[in-house]
N, C-alpha and C. Protein backbone atom coordinates (compact mmCIF):
# COMPACT_ATOMS: atom_id res chain seq x y z
N UNK A 1 26.55 -22.91 32.27
CA UNK A 1 25.31 -22.22 31.96
C UNK A 1 24.26 -22.68 32.96
N UNK A 2 23.78 -21.76 33.75
CA UNK A 2 22.84 -22.10 34.80
C UNK A 2 21.40 -21.88 34.34
N UNK A 3 20.50 -22.36 35.15
CA UNK A 3 19.07 -22.20 34.85
C UNK A 3 18.68 -20.73 34.86
N UNK A 4 19.21 -19.98 35.78
CA UNK A 4 18.91 -18.54 35.86
C UNK A 4 19.42 -17.79 34.63
N UNK A 5 20.56 -18.22 34.10
CA UNK A 5 21.13 -17.60 32.91
C UNK A 5 20.19 -17.80 31.71
N UNK A 6 19.71 -19.03 31.54
CA UNK A 6 18.80 -19.34 30.43
C UNK A 6 17.48 -18.60 30.59
N UNK A 7 16.97 -18.55 31.82
CA UNK A 7 15.72 -17.83 32.07
C UNK A 7 15.90 -16.34 31.78
N UNK A 8 17.05 -15.78 32.11
CA UNK A 8 17.32 -14.38 31.81
C UNK A 8 17.36 -14.10 30.32
N UNK A 9 17.97 -14.99 29.56
CA UNK A 9 18.00 -14.83 28.10
C UNK A 9 16.59 -14.92 27.52
N UNK A 10 15.81 -15.91 27.99
CA UNK A 10 14.44 -16.05 27.51
C UNK A 10 13.59 -14.84 27.86
N UNK A 11 13.78 -14.31 29.08
CA UNK A 11 13.04 -13.12 29.50
C UNK A 11 13.38 -11.94 28.60
N UNK A 12 14.66 -11.74 28.32
CA UNK A 12 15.07 -10.65 27.44
C UNK A 12 14.53 -10.84 26.02
N UNK A 13 14.49 -12.08 25.56
CA UNK A 13 13.97 -12.35 24.22
C UNK A 13 12.48 -12.02 24.15
N UNK A 14 11.71 -12.45 25.14
CA UNK A 14 10.28 -12.13 25.15
C UNK A 14 10.05 -10.64 25.26
N UNK A 15 10.82 -9.96 26.09
CA UNK A 15 10.69 -8.52 26.24
C UNK A 15 10.96 -7.82 24.91
N UNK A 16 12.00 -8.25 24.21
CA UNK A 16 12.34 -7.65 22.92
C UNK A 16 11.23 -7.89 21.90
N UNK A 17 10.68 -9.09 21.88
CA UNK A 17 9.58 -9.39 20.95
C UNK A 17 8.37 -8.52 21.26
N UNK A 18 8.04 -8.36 22.52
CA UNK A 18 6.89 -7.53 22.88
C UNK A 18 7.11 -6.07 22.51
N UNK A 19 8.31 -5.57 22.72
CA UNK A 19 8.61 -4.18 22.38
C UNK A 19 8.58 -3.95 20.87
N UNK A 20 9.10 -4.91 20.12
CA UNK A 20 9.18 -4.75 18.66
C UNK A 20 7.81 -4.96 18.01
N UNK A 21 7.08 -5.98 18.42
CA UNK A 21 5.81 -6.30 17.78
C UNK A 21 4.62 -5.57 18.41
N UNK A 22 4.79 -5.07 19.61
CA UNK A 22 3.69 -4.45 20.32
C UNK A 22 2.97 -3.31 19.61
N UNK A 23 3.69 -2.33 19.10
CA UNK A 23 2.99 -1.21 18.44
C UNK A 23 2.13 -1.64 17.26
N UNK A 24 2.63 -2.55 16.44
CA UNK A 24 1.85 -3.02 15.30
C UNK A 24 0.62 -3.78 15.75
N UNK A 25 0.75 -4.58 16.79
CA UNK A 25 -0.39 -5.34 17.30
C UNK A 25 -1.44 -4.43 17.92
N UNK A 26 -1.00 -3.42 18.65
CA UNK A 26 -1.94 -2.48 19.27
C UNK A 26 -2.70 -1.71 18.19
N UNK A 27 -1.99 -1.25 17.18
CA UNK A 27 -2.65 -0.52 16.08
C UNK A 27 -3.64 -1.43 15.36
N UNK A 28 -3.27 -2.67 15.15
CA UNK A 28 -4.17 -3.61 14.50
C UNK A 28 -5.44 -3.82 15.31
N UNK A 29 -5.30 -3.94 16.62
CA UNK A 29 -6.47 -4.12 17.48
C UNK A 29 -7.36 -2.88 17.46
N UNK A 30 -6.75 -1.70 17.55
CA UNK A 30 -7.53 -0.46 17.57
C UNK A 30 -8.26 -0.26 16.25
N UNK A 31 -7.57 -0.47 15.13
CA UNK A 31 -8.21 -0.31 13.82
C UNK A 31 -9.33 -1.34 13.65
N UNK A 32 -9.10 -2.56 14.06
CA UNK A 32 -10.14 -3.59 13.98
C UNK A 32 -11.36 -3.22 14.80
N UNK A 33 -11.14 -2.67 16.00
CA UNK A 33 -12.25 -2.25 16.85
C UNK A 33 -13.02 -1.10 16.21
N UNK A 34 -12.29 -0.12 15.67
CA UNK A 34 -12.97 1.01 15.01
C UNK A 34 -13.77 0.58 13.80
N UNK A 35 -13.22 -0.33 13.00
CA UNK A 35 -13.94 -0.82 11.83
C UNK A 35 -15.16 -1.63 12.27
N UNK A 36 -15.03 -2.39 13.33
CA UNK A 36 -16.17 -3.17 13.83
C UNK A 36 -17.29 -2.25 14.32
N UNK A 37 -16.91 -1.17 15.02
CA UNK A 37 -17.92 -0.21 15.46
C UNK A 37 -18.59 0.44 14.26
N UNK A 38 -17.80 0.79 13.24
CA UNK A 38 -18.36 1.36 12.01
C UNK A 38 -19.31 0.38 11.34
N UNK A 39 -18.92 -0.90 11.27
CA UNK A 39 -19.79 -1.90 10.66
C UNK A 39 -21.08 -2.07 11.44
N UNK A 40 -20.99 -2.05 12.76
CA UNK A 40 -22.20 -2.20 13.58
C UNK A 40 -23.12 -0.99 13.42
N UNK A 41 -22.53 0.20 13.30
CA UNK A 41 -23.34 1.41 13.18
C UNK A 41 -24.02 1.51 11.82
N UNK A 42 -23.38 1.00 10.78
CA UNK A 42 -23.93 1.12 9.43
C UNK A 42 -24.58 -0.16 8.94
N UNK A 43 -24.57 -1.19 9.74
CA UNK A 43 -25.15 -2.50 9.38
C UNK A 43 -24.50 -3.11 8.14
N UNK A 44 -23.23 -2.80 7.93
CA UNK A 44 -22.47 -3.43 6.86
C UNK A 44 -21.90 -4.73 7.43
N UNK A 45 -22.18 -5.84 6.75
CA UNK A 45 -21.72 -7.13 7.28
C UNK A 45 -20.67 -7.78 6.39
N UNK A 46 -19.85 -6.97 5.77
CA UNK A 46 -18.79 -7.48 4.91
C UNK A 46 -17.63 -7.97 5.77
N UNK A 47 -17.27 -9.23 5.66
CA UNK A 47 -16.23 -9.83 6.51
C UNK A 47 -14.83 -9.35 6.13
N UNK A 48 -14.63 -9.02 4.87
CA UNK A 48 -13.29 -8.65 4.43
C UNK A 48 -12.99 -7.17 4.59
N UNK A 49 -13.93 -6.41 5.08
CA UNK A 49 -13.74 -4.95 5.21
C UNK A 49 -12.65 -4.59 6.21
N UNK A 50 -12.41 -5.43 7.20
CA UNK A 50 -11.43 -5.08 8.23
C UNK A 50 -9.99 -5.27 7.76
N UNK A 51 -9.76 -6.09 6.75
CA UNK A 51 -8.39 -6.43 6.37
C UNK A 51 -7.61 -5.27 5.76
N UNK A 52 -8.21 -4.54 4.85
CA UNK A 52 -7.49 -3.46 4.15
C UNK A 52 -7.07 -2.35 5.12
N UNK A 53 -7.97 -1.82 5.96
CA UNK A 53 -7.50 -0.79 6.90
C UNK A 53 -6.43 -1.29 7.87
N UNK A 54 -6.56 -2.55 8.32
CA UNK A 54 -5.55 -3.10 9.22
C UNK A 54 -4.20 -3.20 8.53
N UNK A 55 -4.18 -3.70 7.31
CA UNK A 55 -2.92 -3.85 6.58
C UNK A 55 -2.27 -2.49 6.36
N UNK A 56 -3.06 -1.50 5.98
CA UNK A 56 -2.52 -0.16 5.75
C UNK A 56 -1.98 0.44 7.05
N UNK A 57 -2.75 0.33 8.13
CA UNK A 57 -2.34 0.90 9.42
C UNK A 57 -1.08 0.22 9.95
N UNK A 58 -1.03 -1.09 9.88
CA UNK A 58 0.15 -1.82 10.36
C UNK A 58 1.36 -1.49 9.50
N UNK A 59 1.17 -1.37 8.20
CA UNK A 59 2.27 -1.00 7.31
C UNK A 59 2.82 0.38 7.63
N UNK A 60 1.94 1.34 7.87
CA UNK A 60 2.38 2.70 8.20
C UNK A 60 3.13 2.72 9.52
N UNK A 61 2.59 2.02 10.53
CA UNK A 61 3.25 1.99 11.84
C UNK A 61 4.61 1.31 11.73
N UNK A 62 4.66 0.23 10.97
CA UNK A 62 5.94 -0.47 10.80
C UNK A 62 6.97 0.41 10.11
N UNK A 63 6.57 1.14 9.10
CA UNK A 63 7.51 2.03 8.40
C UNK A 63 7.97 3.16 9.32
N UNK A 64 7.03 3.72 10.10
CA UNK A 64 7.40 4.82 10.98
C UNK A 64 8.30 4.38 12.14
N UNK A 65 8.07 3.18 12.66
CA UNK A 65 8.82 2.72 13.82
C UNK A 65 9.96 1.77 13.46
N UNK A 66 10.25 1.61 12.19
CA UNK A 66 11.29 0.68 11.78
C UNK A 66 12.66 1.01 12.38
N UNK A 67 13.09 2.27 12.44
CA UNK A 67 14.39 2.54 13.08
C UNK A 67 14.42 2.12 14.55
N UNK A 68 13.35 2.39 15.28
CA UNK A 68 13.27 1.98 16.68
C UNK A 68 13.30 0.45 16.81
N UNK A 69 12.53 -0.23 15.96
CA UNK A 69 12.48 -1.69 16.00
C UNK A 69 13.85 -2.30 15.69
N UNK A 70 14.51 -1.77 14.69
CA UNK A 70 15.83 -2.28 14.32
C UNK A 70 16.84 -2.03 15.43
N UNK A 71 16.77 -0.88 16.07
CA UNK A 71 17.68 -0.57 17.17
C UNK A 71 17.50 -1.57 18.30
N UNK A 72 16.26 -1.87 18.66
CA UNK A 72 16.00 -2.84 19.74
C UNK A 72 16.50 -4.23 19.36
N UNK A 73 16.28 -4.63 18.10
CA UNK A 73 16.74 -5.95 17.68
C UNK A 73 18.26 -6.03 17.63
N UNK A 74 18.90 -4.96 17.18
CA UNK A 74 20.37 -4.93 17.17
C UNK A 74 20.93 -4.97 18.59
N UNK A 75 20.31 -4.25 19.52
CA UNK A 75 20.76 -4.27 20.91
C UNK A 75 20.66 -5.68 21.49
N UNK A 76 19.54 -6.35 21.23
CA UNK A 76 19.38 -7.71 21.75
C UNK A 76 20.39 -8.66 21.12
N UNK A 77 20.60 -8.55 19.82
CA UNK A 77 21.57 -9.41 19.14
C UNK A 77 22.97 -9.17 19.66
N UNK A 78 23.34 -7.92 19.85
CA UNK A 78 24.65 -7.59 20.40
C UNK A 78 24.81 -8.15 21.81
N UNK A 79 23.76 -8.05 22.60
CA UNK A 79 23.79 -8.59 23.95
C UNK A 79 24.01 -10.11 23.92
N UNK A 80 23.33 -10.80 23.03
CA UNK A 80 23.48 -12.26 22.92
C UNK A 80 24.90 -12.61 22.48
N UNK A 81 25.42 -11.88 21.48
CA UNK A 81 26.79 -12.15 21.03
C UNK A 81 27.81 -11.87 22.13
N UNK A 82 27.57 -10.87 22.95
CA UNK A 82 28.48 -10.58 24.05
C UNK A 82 28.43 -11.64 25.15
N UNK A 83 27.34 -12.38 25.22
CA UNK A 83 27.20 -13.46 26.22
C UNK A 83 27.84 -14.76 25.78
N UNK A 84 28.17 -14.90 24.51
CA UNK A 84 28.72 -16.16 23.99
C UNK A 84 29.99 -16.59 24.73
N UNK A 85 30.94 -15.70 25.01
CA UNK A 85 32.14 -16.17 25.73
C UNK A 85 31.85 -16.72 27.13
N UNK A 86 30.73 -16.35 27.71
CA UNK A 86 30.39 -16.82 29.06
C UNK A 86 29.67 -18.16 29.07
N UNK A 87 29.44 -18.76 27.92
CA UNK A 87 28.71 -20.02 27.85
C UNK A 87 29.64 -21.19 28.05
N UNK A 88 29.88 -21.55 29.28
CA UNK A 88 30.75 -22.70 29.58
C UNK A 88 30.02 -23.68 30.45
């Protein structure tokens, strides 16, 4: 097992994490920004107002993209299992 092999596995792992978690994180950021703009425009200073819309939006995105996320995770897991015989 060489250094390049380990770096390749780590690179693929990070790429998979970014692809799987990315949509939920982007939606969370966008919803948080929109709620912050709404709070600034209406002078509402409630700190907990951002949590409910974020949770709902992230939940909806996760449910809608769950097949895609599972496919990416299964592909990565299969790739790792296929590399096991080469670990000498």
